[in-house]
Amino acid sequence: MKSHAFLRLLLSCSILMAAHAGAATLAVNWGGDYGTGNAFEPNGFTGGEPGQLSPSTNYSGTSSVFYGDARSFIGGIYQGTSTTFGMVVNNGGLDRIELKGSDAFTPDPPNNTGFLLLWKQQDFLNGMNTGEVGFDATSSVRLNITTYANQAADSGRLVLRSGGQYYISSRIYTASGDQTTANLPALSFFAYNPANDINVNGDGTPASIASGGVIPGVTEVGFYFESIGSSNAVRIQDFEVSLVTVPEPSSMAASASLLAAVCLIRRRRNA
């Protein structure tokens, strides 16, 4: 009887612990009919901070704003009236982000053009724009890719900023389709410094950014793609990110103490 009572005690404590975990909440929701088509603004990183790439006009809502860099690694980039280099392309009610190398002024061989797009916490939805947020096993990233044509070997990666440092995942998006990635703490991430160079060359040594099954302190999240020349492209129709609230250490300690006291009282009653 005592063993059954102790099992019930463990179950009750587990339920109490789960009640203290934050629920995954939609923080980024890019997709919809935002505008009439906009070329990316020619921004990069100033003082280590990404500049705003889009929108320039005709947008509404916070999740439509994104930051980062778009850069050719060989030669120059023609933007001007380009219809192929990075743009938000109006597609009825389903606008697309088009990541494609520069067009008429591309030399032979064609340029490799890198695209790093980031959504900042200041624009996160549903109250996730303040406080500490992060990824746990219940969080997810959804990327709906309508076109994925002949990308570079390092193309198709998640990027996040945690604790003031950027990290990039091992390559996971390598085809078109509607793909959801769950349990991000289980992925391999590598230190990344896009302020120096957004180009990704290999992986390096995996960084330990998860603690207790949580990637804490996430302030930016996005993705990296690299197009080889103007004949190839990635077109992204939807980008969604769900995050959890990360309790402050003081509140976690208080909750743990309260939980321990409750469990101890229940154990004594069942003894």
Protein backbone atom coordinates (compact mmCIF):
# COMPACT_ATOMS: atom_id res chain seq x y z
CA MET A 1 0.00 0.00 0.00
CA LYS A 2 2.83 2.36 0.87
CA SER A 3 4.46 1.75 -2.51
CA HIS A 4 1.20 2.64 -4.27
CA ALA A 5 0.89 5.75 -2.17
CA PHE A 6 4.45 6.77 -3.00
CA LEU A 7 3.78 6.29 -6.73
CA ARG A 8 0.73 8.52 -6.43
CA LEU A 9 2.93 11.04 -4.61
CA LEU A 10 5.47 11.06 -7.45
CA LEU A 11 2.68 11.51 -9.99
CA SER A 12 1.22 14.41 -8.02
CA CYS A 13 4.64 16.07 -7.79
CA SER A 14 5.17 15.61 -11.52
CA ILE A 15 1.84 17.29 -12.23
CA LEU A 16 2.77 20.18 -9.98
CA MET A 17 6.12 20.58 -11.75
CA ALA A 18 4.44 20.51 -15.17
CA ALA A 19 2.06 23.23 -14.05
CA HIS A 20 5.04 25.53 -13.56
CA ALA A 21 6.30 25.05 -17.14
CA GLY A 22 5.28 27.70 -19.68
CA ALA A 23 3.07 26.66 -22.60
CA ALA A 24 4.42 27.10 -26.12
CA THR A 25 2.98 30.31 -27.58
CA LEU A 26 2.99 31.60 -31.15
CA ALA A 27 5.54 34.44 -31.22
CA VAL A 28 6.29 34.88 -34.94
CA ASN A 29 3.64 34.50 -37.61
CA TRP A 30 4.87 35.70 -41.00
CA GLY A 31 2.49 35.00 -43.84
CA GLY A 32 -0.54 36.57 -45.41
CA ASP A 33 -1.27 39.47 -47.71
CA TYR A 34 0.93 42.31 -46.45
CA GLY A 35 1.84 44.37 -49.47
CA THR A 36 2.29 44.84 -53.18
CA GLY A 37 5.87 43.59 -53.38
CA ASN A 38 8.92 45.15 -51.76
CA ALA A 39 12.64 44.73 -52.39
CA PHE A 40 14.76 44.31 -49.29
CA GLU A 41 16.32 47.44 -47.94
CA PRO A 42 20.16 47.29 -48.29
CA ASN A 43 20.91 46.73 -44.60
CA GLY A 44 23.49 44.67 -42.78
CA PHE A 45 24.83 44.84 -39.22
CA THR A 46 25.76 48.09 -37.48
CA GLY A 47 27.43 47.70 -34.13
CA GLY A 48 26.57 44.01 -34.21
CA GLU A 49 22.84 44.63 -34.61
CA PRO A 50 20.91 43.59 -37.74
CA GLY A 51 19.30 46.35 -39.78
CA GLN A 52 15.70 46.23 -40.94
CA LEU A 53 15.40 44.53 -44.31
CA SER A 54 11.65 44.75 -44.70
CA PRO A 55 9.15 46.25 -44.87
CA SER A 56 9.67 49.57 -46.54
CA THR A 57 6.00 50.33 -47.31
CA ASN A 58 2.52 48.84 -47.43
CA TYR A 59 2.81 46.51 -44.46
CA SER A 60 0.79 46.07 -41.31
CA GLY A 61 1.27 44.10 -38.13
CA THR A 62 4.44 43.40 -36.19
CA SER A 63 5.23 39.89 -37.43
CA SER A 64 5.72 41.27 -40.93
CA VAL A 65 8.86 43.14 -39.83
CA PHE A 66 12.17 41.34 -40.23
CA TYR A 67 15.86 42.21 -40.04
CA GLY A 68 19.20 40.84 -41.15
CA ASP A 69 21.45 40.95 -44.18
CA ALA A 70 21.49 39.95 -47.84
CA ARG A 71 24.91 39.82 -49.41
CA SER A 72 26.72 38.59 -52.51
CA PHE A 73 29.93 36.74 -51.70
CA ILE A 74 31.51 37.26 -55.15
CA GLY A 75 31.31 40.54 -57.05
CA GLY A 76 28.56 43.08 -56.54
CA ILE A 77 24.80 43.04 -56.17
CA TYR A 78 22.40 44.85 -58.43
CA GLN A 79 19.28 45.78 -56.49
CA GLY A 80 17.66 48.84 -58.03
CA THR A 81 14.61 47.57 -59.87
CA SER A 82 15.70 43.93 -59.62
CA THR A 83 12.83 41.48 -59.59
CA THR A 84 14.96 38.54 -58.53
CA PHE A 85 17.16 39.61 -55.62
CA GLY A 86 15.61 39.37 -52.13
CA MET A 87 12.03 40.59 -52.14
CA VAL A 88 8.63 40.13 -50.60
CA VAL A 89 6.56 39.15 -53.63
CA ASN A 90 2.83 39.74 -53.58
CA ASN A 91 1.00 36.52 -54.36
CA GLY A 92 -2.62 37.32 -53.72
CA GLY A 93 -3.42 36.36 -50.15
CA LEU A 94 -0.20 34.39 -49.76
CA ASP A 95 2.81 36.71 -50.03
CA ARG A 96 6.20 35.05 -50.40
CA ILE A 97 9.71 35.93 -49.37
CA GLU A 98 11.86 35.40 -52.45
CA LEU A 99 15.57 34.71 -51.90
CA LYS A 100 17.31 34.71 -55.25
CA GLY A 101 20.68 35.85 -56.56
CA SER A 102 21.17 39.13 -58.41
CA ASP A 103 20.03 39.13 -62.01
CA ALA A 104 21.26 41.15 -65.00
CA PHE A 105 24.59 42.12 -63.45
CA THR A 106 25.58 38.66 -62.24
CA PRO A 107 29.05 37.74 -63.53
CA ASP A 108 30.08 34.36 -64.87
CA PRO A 109 30.39 32.20 -62.80
CA PRO A 110 27.27 33.35 -60.96
CA ASN A 111 27.37 34.85 -57.49
CA ASN A 112 26.56 33.00 -54.33
CA THR A 113 24.18 35.25 -52.42
CA GLY A 114 23.48 34.74 -48.72
CA PHE A 115 20.23 35.71 -47.05
CA LEU A 116 19.95 35.98 -43.27
CA LEU A 117 16.47 36.93 -42.03
CA LEU A 118 15.74 37.54 -38.34
CA TRP A 119 12.66 38.40 -36.30
CA LYS A 120 13.35 40.35 -33.09
CA GLN A 121 11.73 39.89 -29.71
CA GLN A 122 10.50 43.47 -29.76
CA ASP A 123 8.08 42.35 -32.50
CA PHE A 124 7.07 38.98 -31.02
CA LEU A 125 3.34 38.34 -30.64
CA ASN A 126 1.06 37.26 -27.79
CA GLY A 127 3.00 38.85 -24.96
CA MET A 128 6.28 37.18 -25.86
CA ASN A 129 7.88 40.55 -26.65
CA THR A 130 8.95 41.07 -23.02
CA GLY A 131 10.60 38.94 -20.38
CA GLU A 132 12.79 35.91 -20.96
CA VAL A 133 11.57 33.46 -23.59
CA GLY A 134 13.12 30.38 -25.14
CA PHE A 135 12.68 26.98 -26.77
CA ASP A 136 11.78 23.75 -25.03
CA ALA A 137 10.56 20.36 -26.27
CA THR A 138 7.06 21.76 -26.89
CA SER A 139 8.26 24.73 -28.97
CA SER A 140 8.45 24.56 -32.73
CA VAL A 141 9.44 26.34 -35.94
CA ARG A 142 7.34 26.01 -39.09
CA LEU A 143 8.73 26.93 -42.50
CA ASN A 144 6.57 26.56 -45.60
CA ILE A 145 8.92 26.52 -48.60
CA THR A 146 7.22 26.63 -52.00
CA THR A 147 10.45 26.58 -54.03
CA TYR A 148 13.89 25.21 -53.15
CA ALA A 149 16.12 25.16 -56.23
CA ASN A 150 19.79 24.04 -56.20
CA GLN A 151 20.94 25.72 -53.01
CA ALA A 152 24.51 25.85 -51.72
CA ALA A 153 25.70 23.10 -49.38
CA ASP A 154 25.38 25.39 -46.33
CA SER A 155 21.90 26.62 -47.19
CA GLY A 156 18.74 26.01 -45.18
CA ARG A 157 19.50 26.60 -41.49
CA LEU A 158 17.78 28.00 -38.43
CA VAL A 159 19.44 30.97 -36.73
CA LEU A 160 18.79 32.25 -33.24
CA ARG A 161 20.26 34.69 -30.77
CA SER A 162 20.54 33.50 -27.18
CA GLY A 163 22.27 35.36 -24.38
CA GLY A 164 23.57 37.97 -26.84
CA GLN A 165 25.29 35.36 -29.06
CA TYR A 166 24.15 34.13 -32.47
CA TYR A 167 23.94 30.42 -33.23
CA ILE A 168 23.17 28.53 -36.43
CA SER A 169 21.80 25.02 -36.77
CA SER A 170 23.15 22.18 -38.82
CA ARG A 171 21.47 22.19 -42.22
CA ILE A 172 17.86 20.99 -41.89
CA TYR A 173 15.79 22.63 -44.66
CA THR A 174 16.85 21.15 -47.99
CA ALA A 175 13.62 20.83 -49.97
CA SER A 176 10.29 22.46 -50.67
CA GLY A 177 7.29 21.65 -48.49
CA ASP A 178 5.54 22.63 -45.29
CA GLN A 179 7.92 21.55 -42.53
CA THR A 180 7.65 21.84 -38.75
CA THR A 181 10.70 21.34 -36.54
CA ALA A 182 9.99 20.51 -32.90
CA ASN A 183 12.22 20.10 -29.84
CA LEU A 184 14.86 22.61 -30.92
CA PRO A 185 17.03 21.99 -27.82
CA ALA A 186 17.82 18.57 -29.31
CA LEU A 187 19.34 20.12 -32.47
CA SER A 188 23.03 20.85 -32.94
CA PHE A 189 23.83 24.58 -32.98
CA PHE A 190 27.13 26.29 -33.73
CA ALA A 191 28.48 29.72 -32.79
CA TYR A 192 27.93 32.24 -35.59
CA ASN A 193 28.99 35.86 -36.00
CA PRO A 194 27.00 37.44 -38.85
CA ALA A 195 28.26 40.90 -37.91
CA ASN A 196 31.63 39.86 -39.33
CA ASP A 197 30.39 37.70 -42.20
CA ILE A 198 26.95 36.20 -42.83
CA ASN A 199 28.51 33.53 -45.05
CA VAL A 200 28.34 30.04 -43.51
CA ASN A 201 31.37 27.85 -44.17
CA GLY A 202 31.05 24.51 -42.41
CA ASP A 203 29.88 23.96 -38.88
CA GLY A 204 32.72 23.79 -36.36
CA THR A 205 32.20 22.55 -32.82
CA PRO A 206 28.64 22.26 -31.46
CA ALA A 207 27.83 24.81 -28.77
CA SER A 208 26.08 23.89 -25.52
CA ILE A 209 23.19 26.35 -25.50
CA ALA A 210 20.45 24.21 -23.92
CA SER A 211 20.13 23.97 -20.14
CA GLY A 212 17.66 21.58 -18.54
CA GLY A 213 16.04 20.95 -21.91
CA VAL A 214 15.54 24.68 -22.59
CA ILE A 215 17.33 27.18 -24.84
CA PRO A 216 16.87 30.33 -22.72
CA GLY A 217 17.21 34.03 -23.47
CA VAL A 218 16.08 33.94 -27.13
CA THR A 219 15.85 37.49 -28.50
CA GLU A 220 16.00 36.82 -32.25
CA VAL A 221 15.10 33.89 -34.49
CA GLY A 222 15.17 33.36 -38.24
CA PHE A 223 16.88 31.44 -41.01
CA TYR A 224 19.76 31.42 -43.50
CA PHE A 225 19.64 30.43 -47.18
CA GLU A 226 22.27 30.75 -49.87
CA SER A 227 21.33 31.00 -53.54
CA ILE A 228 23.74 30.03 -56.34
CA GLY A 229 23.09 32.52 -59.13
CA SER A 230 19.92 34.10 -60.43
CA SER A 231 18.46 30.90 -61.87
CA ASN A 232 17.98 29.35 -58.40
CA ALA A 233 15.78 30.43 -55.52
CA VAL A 234 14.04 29.77 -52.25
CA ARG A 235 10.51 31.06 -51.86
CA ILE A 236 9.04 31.05 -48.37
CA GLN A 237 5.32 31.39 -47.86
CA ASP A 238 4.96 30.98 -44.09
CA PHE A 239 7.25 31.26 -41.07
CA GLU A 240 5.95 30.53 -37.58
CA VAL A 241 7.78 30.25 -34.28
CA SER A 242 6.36 29.18 -30.92
CA LEU A 243 8.28 29.92 -27.73
CA VAL A 244 7.86 29.41 -24.00
CA THR A 245 8.27 31.81 -21.12
CA VAL A 246 11.39 30.97 -19.11
CA PRO A 247 10.83 31.52 -15.36
CA GLU A 248 13.35 33.68 -13.54
CA PRO A 249 15.81 31.71 -11.35
CA SER A 250 14.36 33.26 -8.17
CA SER A 251 10.82 32.19 -9.05
CA MET A 252 12.03 28.73 -10.06
CA ALA A 253 13.81 28.36 -6.72
CA ALA A 254 10.72 29.47 -4.82
CA SER A 255 8.54 27.06 -6.81
CA ALA A 256 10.99 24.23 -6.19
CA SER A 257 10.99 24.93 -2.44
CA LEU A 258 7.20 25.04 -2.34
CA LEU A 259 6.98 21.86 -4.39
CA ALA A 260 9.44 20.07 -2.10
CA ALA A 261 7.46 21.14 0.97
CA VAL A 262 4.16 19.95 -0.53
CA CYS A 263 5.68 16.61 -1.55
CA LEU A 264 7.22 16.14 1.90
CA ILE A 265 3.90 16.80 3.64
CA ARG A 266 2.10 14.36 1.32
CA ARG A 267 4.75 11.72 1.86
CA ARG A 268 4.44 12.01 5.64
CA ARG A 269 0.66 11.72 5.42
CA ASN A 270 0.97 8.59 3.27
CA ALA A 271 3.66 7.00 5.47
